[in-house]
N, C-alpha and C. Protein backbone atom coordinates (compact mmCIF):
# COMPACT_ATOMS: atom_id res chain seq x y z
N MET A 1 85.27 110.56 112.78
CA MET A 1 86.64 110.09 112.78
C MET A 1 87.48 111.02 111.89
N THR A 2 88.60 111.43 112.39
CA THR A 2 89.46 112.33 111.63
C THR A 2 90.33 111.55 110.66
N THR A 3 90.86 112.26 109.69
CA THR A 3 91.71 111.60 108.70
C THR A 3 93.09 111.28 109.25
N GLU A 4 93.48 111.88 110.36
CA GLU A 4 94.82 111.66 110.91
C GLU A 4 95.01 110.25 111.45
N ASP A 5 93.94 109.58 111.81
CA ASP A 5 94.09 108.26 112.41
C ASP A 5 93.75 107.14 111.41
N ARG A 6 94.18 107.30 110.17
CA ARG A 6 93.93 106.31 109.12
C ARG A 6 95.21 105.96 108.39
N TRP A 7 95.26 104.73 107.90
CA TRP A 7 96.30 104.30 106.96
C TRP A 7 95.60 104.16 105.62
N TYR A 8 96.06 104.89 104.61
CA TYR A 8 95.44 104.82 103.28
C TYR A 8 96.04 103.69 102.48
N VAL A 9 95.19 103.06 101.69
CA VAL A 9 95.59 101.94 100.85
C VAL A 9 95.78 102.45 99.44
N LEU A 10 97.00 102.29 98.90
CA LEU A 10 97.34 102.80 97.58
C LEU A 10 97.70 101.65 96.65
N ARG A 11 97.69 101.95 95.36
CA ARG A 11 98.10 100.99 94.33
C ARG A 11 99.41 101.46 93.72
N ASP A 12 100.33 100.51 93.59
CA ASP A 12 101.61 100.75 92.91
C ASP A 12 101.45 100.17 91.51
N LEU A 13 101.40 100.99 90.49
CA LEU A 13 101.14 100.55 89.12
C LEU A 13 102.38 100.07 88.38
N ALA A 14 103.52 100.06 89.05
CA ALA A 14 104.75 99.57 88.41
C ALA A 14 104.65 98.06 88.19
N ARG A 15 105.36 97.58 87.20
CA ARG A 15 105.39 96.14 86.95
C ARG A 15 106.08 95.43 88.11
N PRO A 16 105.72 94.17 88.36
CA PRO A 16 106.35 93.45 89.48
C PRO A 16 107.87 93.34 89.40
N ASN A 17 108.44 93.35 88.20
CA ASN A 17 109.89 93.24 88.06
C ASN A 17 110.57 94.60 87.85
N ALA A 18 109.87 95.69 88.13
CA ALA A 18 110.43 97.03 87.94
C ALA A 18 111.60 97.27 88.90
N LYS A 19 112.60 97.99 88.43
CA LYS A 19 113.78 98.30 89.25
C LYS A 19 113.47 99.32 90.35
N ASN A 20 112.59 100.27 90.05
CA ASN A 20 112.30 101.33 91.01
C ASN A 20 110.78 101.55 91.11
N PRO A 21 110.05 100.62 91.75
CA PRO A 21 108.60 100.78 91.86
C PRO A 21 108.25 101.95 92.79
N ALA A 22 107.00 102.32 92.79
CA ALA A 22 106.55 103.49 93.56
C ALA A 22 106.79 103.32 95.05
N TYR A 23 106.62 102.10 95.58
CA TYR A 23 106.82 101.93 97.03
C TYR A 23 108.27 102.20 97.43
N LYS A 24 109.24 101.87 96.57
CA LYS A 24 110.64 102.17 96.88
C LYS A 24 110.90 103.67 96.80
N GLN A 25 110.23 104.33 95.86
CA GLN A 25 110.37 105.79 95.77
C GLN A 25 109.80 106.46 97.00
N LEU A 26 108.65 105.94 97.50
CA LEU A 26 108.05 106.49 98.72
C LEU A 26 108.97 106.28 99.92
N GLN A 27 109.52 105.08 100.05
CA GLN A 27 110.40 104.78 101.19
C GLN A 27 111.67 105.62 101.15
N ALA A 28 112.10 106.05 99.97
CA ALA A 28 113.31 106.86 99.84
C ALA A 28 113.08 108.32 100.25
N MET A 29 111.83 108.76 100.28
CA MET A 29 111.53 110.14 100.69
C MET A 29 111.70 110.25 102.20
N PRO A 30 112.50 111.20 102.69
CA PRO A 30 112.75 111.29 104.14
C PRO A 30 111.49 111.44 104.98
N GLU A 31 110.53 112.21 104.52
CA GLU A 31 109.31 112.43 105.30
C GLU A 31 108.35 111.25 105.26
N MET A 32 108.59 110.28 104.37
CA MET A 32 107.68 109.15 104.21
C MET A 32 108.26 107.84 104.74
N ALA A 33 109.51 107.80 105.12
CA ALA A 33 110.19 106.55 105.47
C ALA A 33 109.46 105.75 106.55
N ASP A 34 108.96 106.41 107.58
CA ASP A 34 108.28 105.72 108.68
C ASP A 34 106.79 105.52 108.43
N CYS A 35 106.27 106.07 107.35
CA CYS A 35 104.83 106.07 107.11
C CYS A 35 104.39 105.06 106.06
N VAL A 36 105.30 104.27 105.52
CA VAL A 36 104.98 103.35 104.43
C VAL A 36 105.13 101.91 104.92
N PHE A 37 104.15 101.07 104.59
CA PHE A 37 104.22 99.65 104.92
C PHE A 37 103.78 98.83 103.72
N ILE A 38 104.59 97.81 103.40
CA ILE A 38 104.28 96.90 102.30
C ILE A 38 104.35 95.48 102.86
N PRO A 39 103.27 94.70 102.79
CA PRO A 39 103.33 93.31 103.24
C PRO A 39 104.29 92.52 102.34
N MET A 40 105.33 91.95 102.95
CA MET A 40 106.36 91.24 102.20
C MET A 40 106.32 89.74 102.49
N LYS A 41 106.77 88.96 101.50
CA LYS A 41 106.90 87.51 101.66
C LYS A 41 108.27 87.09 101.13
N GLN A 42 108.75 85.94 101.60
CA GLN A 42 110.03 85.42 101.13
C GLN A 42 109.83 84.69 99.81
N ARG A 43 110.80 84.86 98.93
CA ARG A 43 110.76 84.17 97.64
C ARG A 43 112.18 83.81 97.23
N ILE A 44 112.34 82.65 96.63
CA ILE A 44 113.65 82.18 96.21
C ILE A 44 113.86 82.48 94.74
N PHE A 45 115.02 83.08 94.42
CA PHE A 45 115.40 83.40 93.05
C PHE A 45 116.70 82.69 92.72
N MET A 46 116.90 82.41 91.45
CA MET A 46 118.18 81.86 90.98
C MET A 46 118.98 83.00 90.35
N GLU A 47 120.18 83.23 90.87
CA GLU A 47 121.07 84.24 90.34
C GLU A 47 122.45 83.64 90.15
N PHE A 48 122.93 83.63 88.94
CA PHE A 48 124.25 83.08 88.62
C PHE A 48 124.40 81.65 89.13
N GLY A 49 123.31 80.88 89.02
CA GLY A 49 123.34 79.47 89.42
C GLY A 49 123.20 79.22 90.91
N LYS A 50 122.99 80.26 91.70
CA LYS A 50 122.83 80.11 93.15
C LYS A 50 121.43 80.53 93.56
N ARG A 51 120.93 79.86 94.58
CA ARG A 51 119.61 80.22 95.13
C ARG A 51 119.77 81.39 96.10
N VAL A 52 118.96 82.42 95.90
CA VAL A 52 119.00 83.62 96.73
C VAL A 52 117.60 83.87 97.27
N VAL A 53 117.50 84.10 98.58
CA VAL A 53 116.22 84.39 99.22
C VAL A 53 116.06 85.90 99.31
N ARG A 54 114.93 86.39 98.83
CA ARG A 54 114.64 87.83 98.89
C ARG A 54 113.22 88.03 99.39
N PHE A 55 112.99 89.21 99.99
CA PHE A 55 111.65 89.60 100.36
C PHE A 55 111.06 90.40 99.22
N VAL A 56 109.87 90.01 98.78
CA VAL A 56 109.16 90.70 97.71
C VAL A 56 107.74 91.02 98.21
N PRO A 57 107.07 92.01 97.64
CA PRO A 57 105.72 92.33 98.07
C PRO A 57 104.76 91.15 97.88
N PHE A 58 103.89 90.93 98.88
CA PHE A 58 102.87 89.88 98.79
C PHE A 58 101.96 90.13 97.60
N MET A 59 101.48 91.34 97.51
CA MET A 59 100.72 91.79 96.33
C MET A 59 101.52 92.94 95.75
N PRO A 60 101.99 92.81 94.51
CA PRO A 60 102.88 93.84 93.95
C PRO A 60 102.31 95.24 93.93
N ASP A 61 101.00 95.38 93.99
CA ASP A 61 100.43 96.72 93.88
C ASP A 61 99.84 97.25 95.20
N LEU A 62 100.13 96.62 96.32
CA LEU A 62 99.52 97.00 97.60
C LEU A 62 100.51 97.79 98.46
N VAL A 63 100.13 99.04 98.80
CA VAL A 63 100.96 99.92 99.62
C VAL A 63 100.06 100.59 100.65
N PHE A 64 100.51 100.62 101.91
CA PHE A 64 99.80 101.32 102.98
C PHE A 64 100.62 102.54 103.38
N VAL A 65 99.94 103.69 103.52
CA VAL A 65 100.63 104.93 103.89
C VAL A 65 99.86 105.61 105.01
N HIS A 66 100.60 106.02 106.05
CA HIS A 66 100.00 106.69 107.20
C HIS A 66 100.24 108.19 107.11
N LYS A 67 99.40 108.85 106.36
CA LYS A 67 99.40 110.31 106.21
C LYS A 67 97.95 110.74 106.07
N THR A 68 97.72 112.04 106.20
CA THR A 68 96.37 112.54 105.96
C THR A 68 96.12 112.59 104.46
N LYS A 69 94.88 112.61 104.08
CA LYS A 69 94.54 112.66 102.65
C LYS A 69 95.09 113.94 102.03
N GLU A 70 95.06 115.04 102.78
CA GLU A 70 95.57 116.31 102.29
C GLU A 70 97.08 116.24 102.02
N GLU A 71 97.82 115.50 102.86
CA GLU A 71 99.26 115.35 102.65
C GLU A 71 99.56 114.39 101.51
N LEU A 72 98.70 113.39 101.32
CA LEU A 72 98.92 112.38 100.28
C LEU A 72 98.55 112.84 98.89
N ASP A 73 97.53 113.67 98.77
CA ASP A 73 97.05 114.09 97.45
C ASP A 73 98.15 114.64 96.54
N PRO A 74 99.02 115.56 96.99
CA PRO A 74 100.07 116.05 96.09
C PRO A 74 101.08 114.96 95.70
N ILE A 75 101.37 114.05 96.61
CA ILE A 75 102.32 112.97 96.32
C ILE A 75 101.74 112.02 95.28
N VAL A 76 100.46 111.67 95.45
CA VAL A 76 99.80 110.76 94.50
C VAL A 76 99.68 111.41 93.13
N SER A 77 99.37 112.70 93.08
CA SER A 77 99.23 113.37 91.79
C SER A 77 100.59 113.55 91.10
N GLU A 78 101.67 113.66 91.89
CA GLU A 78 103.00 113.84 91.33
C GLU A 78 103.60 112.53 90.79
N MET A 79 103.31 111.41 91.46
CA MET A 79 103.87 110.12 91.06
C MET A 79 102.88 109.39 90.14
N SER A 80 103.27 109.20 88.90
CA SER A 80 102.35 108.59 87.94
C SER A 80 102.10 107.10 88.21
N LEU A 81 102.98 106.44 88.97
CA LEU A 81 102.82 105.02 89.27
C LEU A 81 102.00 104.75 90.52
N LEU A 82 101.47 105.79 91.14
CA LEU A 82 100.77 105.65 92.42
C LEU A 82 99.35 106.18 92.30
N GLN A 83 98.39 105.44 92.85
CA GLN A 83 97.01 105.92 92.91
C GLN A 83 96.30 105.31 94.11
N TYR A 84 95.20 105.95 94.50
CA TYR A 84 94.40 105.44 95.61
C TYR A 84 93.65 104.18 95.20
N ARG A 85 93.42 103.30 96.16
CA ARG A 85 92.46 102.21 95.98
C ARG A 85 91.13 102.74 96.48
N TYR A 86 90.06 102.36 95.82
CA TYR A 86 88.75 102.86 96.20
C TYR A 86 87.87 101.73 96.70
N VAL A 87 86.96 102.07 97.60
CA VAL A 87 86.02 101.11 98.18
C VAL A 87 85.03 100.70 97.12
N ARG A 88 84.82 99.41 96.98
CA ARG A 88 83.85 98.90 96.00
C ARG A 88 82.43 99.06 96.51
N GLY A 89 81.53 99.26 95.59
CA GLY A 89 80.11 99.28 95.92
C GLY A 89 79.60 100.57 96.51
N GLY A 90 80.45 101.55 96.69
CA GLY A 90 80.00 102.82 97.24
C GLY A 90 79.41 103.71 96.17
N LYS A 91 78.52 104.60 96.58
CA LYS A 91 77.93 105.53 95.62
C LYS A 91 78.91 106.63 95.25
N GLN A 92 79.72 107.04 96.20
CA GLN A 92 80.75 108.05 95.97
C GLN A 92 82.10 107.35 95.89
N TYR A 93 83.05 107.96 95.21
CA TYR A 93 84.40 107.41 95.22
C TYR A 93 85.03 107.73 96.55
N GLU A 94 85.27 106.71 97.34
CA GLU A 94 85.86 106.88 98.66
C GLU A 94 87.18 106.12 98.71
N ALA A 95 88.25 106.82 99.05
CA ALA A 95 89.57 106.19 99.13
C ALA A 95 89.56 105.15 100.25
N MET A 96 90.10 103.96 99.95
CA MET A 96 90.14 102.88 100.93
C MET A 96 91.15 103.23 102.02
N SER A 97 90.75 103.02 103.27
CA SER A 97 91.65 103.27 104.39
C SER A 97 91.32 102.31 105.53
N VAL A 98 92.26 102.21 106.46
CA VAL A 98 92.13 101.33 107.61
C VAL A 98 92.36 102.16 108.85
N ARG A 99 91.58 101.91 109.89
CA ARG A 99 91.77 102.64 111.14
C ARG A 99 93.18 102.41 111.66
N ALA A 100 93.81 103.45 112.15
CA ALA A 100 95.20 103.37 112.61
C ALA A 100 95.36 102.35 113.73
N LYS A 101 94.41 102.31 114.64
CA LYS A 101 94.48 101.38 115.77
C LYS A 101 94.53 99.92 115.27
N ASP A 102 93.66 99.58 114.33
CA ASP A 102 93.62 98.23 113.78
C ASP A 102 94.89 97.92 112.98
N PHE A 103 95.33 98.90 112.19
CA PHE A 103 96.49 98.66 111.35
C PHE A 103 97.78 98.53 112.16
N GLU A 104 97.93 99.35 113.19
CA GLU A 104 99.14 99.29 114.03
C GLU A 104 99.24 97.92 114.69
N LYS A 105 98.13 97.37 115.12
CA LYS A 105 98.13 96.04 115.73
C LYS A 105 98.52 94.98 114.70
N PHE A 106 97.96 95.08 113.50
CA PHE A 106 98.29 94.17 112.41
C PHE A 106 99.78 94.27 112.07
N LYS A 107 100.26 95.48 111.91
CA LYS A 107 101.66 95.72 111.54
C LYS A 107 102.61 95.21 112.61
N GLU A 108 102.29 95.46 113.87
CA GLU A 108 103.12 94.99 114.97
C GLU A 108 103.22 93.46 114.98
N ALA A 109 102.12 92.78 114.77
CA ALA A 109 102.11 91.32 114.75
C ALA A 109 102.94 90.79 113.58
N VAL A 110 102.79 91.39 112.42
CA VAL A 110 103.51 90.95 111.23
C VAL A 110 105.02 91.16 111.39
N GLU A 111 105.41 92.24 112.02
CA GLU A 111 106.83 92.55 112.19
C GLU A 111 107.50 91.71 113.27
N GLN A 112 106.71 90.98 114.07
CA GLN A 112 107.26 90.14 115.14
C GLN A 112 107.92 88.88 114.61
N THR A 113 107.61 88.47 113.39
CA THR A 113 108.11 87.21 112.87
C THR A 113 108.48 87.32 111.39
N ASP A 114 109.40 86.46 110.95
CA ASP A 114 109.77 86.41 109.54
C ASP A 114 108.86 85.47 108.76
N ASN A 115 108.19 84.57 109.46
CA ASN A 115 107.38 83.54 108.82
C ASN A 115 105.91 83.93 108.84
N VAL A 116 105.52 84.84 107.95
CA VAL A 116 104.14 85.32 107.86
C VAL A 116 103.55 84.83 106.54
N GLU A 117 102.33 84.34 106.60
CA GLU A 117 101.60 83.99 105.38
C GLU A 117 100.45 84.98 105.24
N TYR A 118 100.30 85.55 104.07
CA TYR A 118 99.20 86.48 103.80
C TYR A 118 98.15 85.78 102.97
N PHE A 119 96.91 86.15 103.21
CA PHE A 119 95.79 85.60 102.46
C PHE A 119 94.81 86.72 102.16
N SER A 120 94.14 86.63 101.01
CA SER A 120 93.00 87.51 100.78
C SER A 120 91.78 86.78 101.34
N TYR A 121 90.70 87.50 101.58
CA TYR A 121 89.51 86.87 102.15
C TYR A 121 88.97 85.76 101.26
N ASP A 122 89.19 85.86 99.96
CA ASP A 122 88.72 84.82 99.05
C ASP A 122 89.42 83.50 99.31
N GLU A 123 90.66 83.56 99.76
CA GLU A 123 91.46 82.35 100.00
C GLU A 123 91.17 81.70 101.34
N VAL A 124 90.68 82.47 102.31
CA VAL A 124 90.43 81.95 103.65
C VAL A 124 88.95 81.58 103.77
N SER A 125 88.69 80.29 103.69
CA SER A 125 87.30 79.83 103.80
C SER A 125 86.93 79.70 105.27
N PRO A 126 85.64 79.71 105.58
CA PRO A 126 85.21 79.58 106.98
C PRO A 126 85.71 78.31 107.67
N ARG A 127 85.98 77.26 106.91
CA ARG A 127 86.46 76.03 107.56
C ARG A 127 87.90 76.15 108.04
N LEU A 128 88.65 77.15 107.55
CA LEU A 128 90.01 77.38 108.04
C LEU A 128 90.03 78.14 109.36
N TYR A 129 88.93 78.86 109.65
CA TYR A 129 88.84 79.59 110.90
C TYR A 129 88.53 78.63 112.03
N GLY A 130 89.32 78.72 113.07
CA GLY A 130 89.07 77.91 114.25
C GLY A 130 88.43 78.76 115.33
N LYS A 131 88.79 78.45 116.55
CA LYS A 131 88.22 79.15 117.70
C LYS A 131 88.86 80.53 117.86
N HIS A 132 88.12 81.41 118.51
CA HIS A 132 88.62 82.74 118.83
C HIS A 132 89.62 82.60 119.98
N ILE A 133 90.83 83.15 119.81
CA ILE A 133 91.88 82.98 120.83
C ILE A 133 92.53 84.31 121.19
N ARG A 134 93.22 84.29 122.32
CA ARG A 134 94.06 85.40 122.76
C ARG A 134 95.42 84.81 123.10
N ILE A 135 96.48 85.53 122.78
CA ILE A 135 97.83 85.08 123.09
C ILE A 135 98.22 85.68 124.45
N ILE A 136 98.62 84.80 125.38
CA ILE A 136 99.05 85.22 126.71
C ILE A 136 100.53 84.91 126.84
N GLY A 137 101.36 85.94 126.86
CA GLY A 137 102.81 85.77 126.99
C GLY A 137 103.48 85.67 125.64
N GLY A 138 104.79 85.67 125.66
CA GLY A 138 105.55 85.55 124.42
C GLY A 138 105.60 86.84 123.64
N ARG A 139 106.07 86.75 122.42
CA ARG A 139 106.27 87.94 121.59
C ARG A 139 104.97 88.55 121.09
N LEU A 140 103.89 87.79 121.06
CA LEU A 140 102.59 88.29 120.58
C LEU A 140 101.60 88.50 121.72
N ASN A 141 102.08 88.76 122.91
CA ASN A 141 101.23 88.91 124.09
C ASN A 141 100.10 89.91 123.86
N GLY A 142 98.87 89.49 124.14
CA GLY A 142 97.71 90.37 124.04
C GLY A 142 97.00 90.34 122.70
N PHE A 143 97.56 89.72 121.69
CA PHE A 143 96.92 89.68 120.38
C PHE A 143 95.73 88.73 120.40
N GLU A 144 94.67 89.14 119.71
CA GLU A 144 93.49 88.30 119.57
C GLU A 144 93.21 88.04 118.11
N GLY A 145 92.60 86.92 117.85
CA GLY A 145 92.23 86.56 116.48
C GLY A 145 91.64 85.17 116.46
N ARG A 146 91.67 84.57 115.30
CA ARG A 146 91.15 83.21 115.14
C ARG A 146 92.32 82.26 114.93
N LEU A 147 92.16 81.07 115.46
CA LEU A 147 93.16 80.02 115.28
C LEU A 147 92.94 79.42 113.90
N MET A 148 93.99 79.39 113.11
CA MET A 148 93.89 78.83 111.76
C MET A 148 94.09 77.33 111.85
N SER A 149 93.12 76.60 111.34
CA SER A 149 93.23 75.14 111.36
C SER A 149 93.47 74.66 109.94
N LYS A 150 94.70 74.27 109.68
CA LYS A 150 95.10 73.80 108.37
C LYS A 150 95.39 72.32 108.48
N ARG A 151 94.73 71.53 107.72
CA ARG A 151 94.86 70.08 107.82
C ARG A 151 96.30 69.65 107.50
N GLY A 152 96.85 68.81 108.40
CA GLY A 152 98.19 68.30 108.20
C GLY A 152 99.30 69.22 108.69
N SER A 153 98.95 70.40 109.19
CA SER A 153 99.97 71.34 109.65
C SER A 153 100.40 70.99 111.08
N LYS A 154 101.68 71.09 111.34
CA LYS A 154 102.21 70.83 112.68
C LYS A 154 102.18 72.09 113.53
N PHE A 155 102.00 73.24 112.91
CA PHE A 155 102.08 74.51 113.61
C PHE A 155 100.70 75.12 113.78
N LYS A 156 100.54 75.86 114.88
CA LYS A 156 99.31 76.62 115.11
C LYS A 156 99.58 78.05 114.65
N ARG A 157 98.59 78.63 113.98
CA ARG A 157 98.74 79.98 113.45
C ARG A 157 97.57 80.86 113.91
N LEU A 158 97.90 82.10 114.19
CA LEU A 158 96.91 83.11 114.56
C LEU A 158 96.58 83.90 113.31
N LEU A 159 95.28 83.99 112.98
CA LEU A 159 94.84 84.80 111.84
C LEU A 159 94.45 86.18 112.33
N ILE A 160 95.10 87.19 111.80
CA ILE A 160 94.77 88.58 112.12
C ILE A 160 94.24 89.22 110.85
N ASP A 161 93.07 89.81 110.93
CA ASP A 161 92.38 90.34 109.75
C ASP A 161 92.44 91.85 109.66
N LEU A 162 92.51 92.33 108.42
CA LEU A 162 92.26 93.74 108.10
C LEU A 162 91.03 93.72 107.21
N GLN A 163 89.87 93.83 107.81
CA GLN A 163 88.63 93.65 107.07
C GLN A 163 88.41 94.70 105.99
N GLU A 164 88.87 95.93 106.22
CA GLU A 164 88.63 97.00 105.27
C GLU A 164 89.29 96.77 103.92
N CYS A 165 90.41 96.02 103.91
CA CYS A 165 91.12 95.87 102.65
C CYS A 165 91.30 94.42 102.23
N ASN A 166 90.49 93.52 102.78
CA ASN A 166 90.44 92.14 102.31
C ASN A 166 91.77 91.42 102.46
N LEU A 167 92.40 91.53 103.64
CA LEU A 167 93.72 90.94 103.85
C LEU A 167 93.78 90.29 105.23
N SER A 168 94.37 89.10 105.29
CA SER A 168 94.61 88.39 106.56
C SER A 168 96.06 87.96 106.61
N ALA A 169 96.60 87.93 107.82
CA ALA A 169 97.96 87.44 108.03
C ALA A 169 97.91 86.28 109.00
N ALA A 170 98.59 85.18 108.66
CA ALA A 170 98.69 84.02 109.54
C ALA A 170 100.07 84.00 110.15
N ILE A 171 100.12 84.04 111.48
CA ILE A 171 101.38 84.12 112.21
C ILE A 171 101.51 82.91 113.11
N GLN A 172 102.65 82.27 113.04
CA GLN A 172 102.89 81.07 113.84
C GLN A 172 102.95 81.43 115.32
N VAL A 173 102.23 80.66 116.15
CA VAL A 173 102.22 80.88 117.60
C VAL A 173 102.55 79.59 118.33
N GLU A 174 103.06 79.72 119.54
CA GLU A 174 103.37 78.57 120.36
C GLU A 174 102.12 78.14 121.12
N SER A 175 101.90 76.85 121.23
CA SER A 175 100.69 76.29 121.85
C SER A 175 100.52 76.73 123.30
N GLU A 176 101.62 76.85 124.03
CA GLU A 176 101.50 77.15 125.47
C GLU A 176 100.99 78.57 125.72
N TYR A 177 101.02 79.46 124.73
CA TYR A 177 100.56 80.83 124.91
C TYR A 177 99.10 81.05 124.49
N ILE A 178 98.43 80.04 124.01
CA ILE A 178 97.08 80.19 123.47
C ILE A 178 96.04 80.07 124.58
N GLN A 179 95.14 81.06 124.64
CA GLN A 179 94.00 81.02 125.56
C GLN A 179 92.73 81.08 124.71
N LEU A 180 91.85 80.09 124.88
CA LEU A 180 90.60 80.06 124.14
C LEU A 180 89.63 81.07 124.72
N LEU A 181 88.95 81.80 123.84
CA LEU A 181 87.92 82.76 124.28
C LEU A 181 86.56 82.23 123.86
N LYS A 182 85.52 82.72 124.47
CA LYS A 182 84.18 82.26 124.14
C LYS A 182 83.64 82.94 122.93
């Protein structure tokens, strides 16, 4: 597998309340604007006595970049707030990455809706996983994953996993588009 078809997982070492974290610096670079993805969630802040809804990173230090390792190395060495995430348990230091095909599918699903819940694998227990499903029709047509069964929830959610980096996204789906797989 070549390095061109990978999304690298980086760490943003800036504090969560920093004015100019590394991911914003990356997004401001013209050659990097389309290559950076940060999982975002909605959060409510109080400003001057008013409630304001803003999107903030799900994990403040999680950044995905679609470049080759050779292109990323000078950027990572130049920016003191940015570093690679490494695979645990390996004998060699190996930079964590996700196959482009898997990541593009994950990214496309996440960008289809504003109401996304992110989970780490530690948070998603096997009892939350339901049946294996495929979405037929609608905005998520063709997506496959597991049906999330959350007790007391009125909504059905599709769990899409990124196994390489311990991340799952739960996306709300309409019941009429769900097809059960074996």
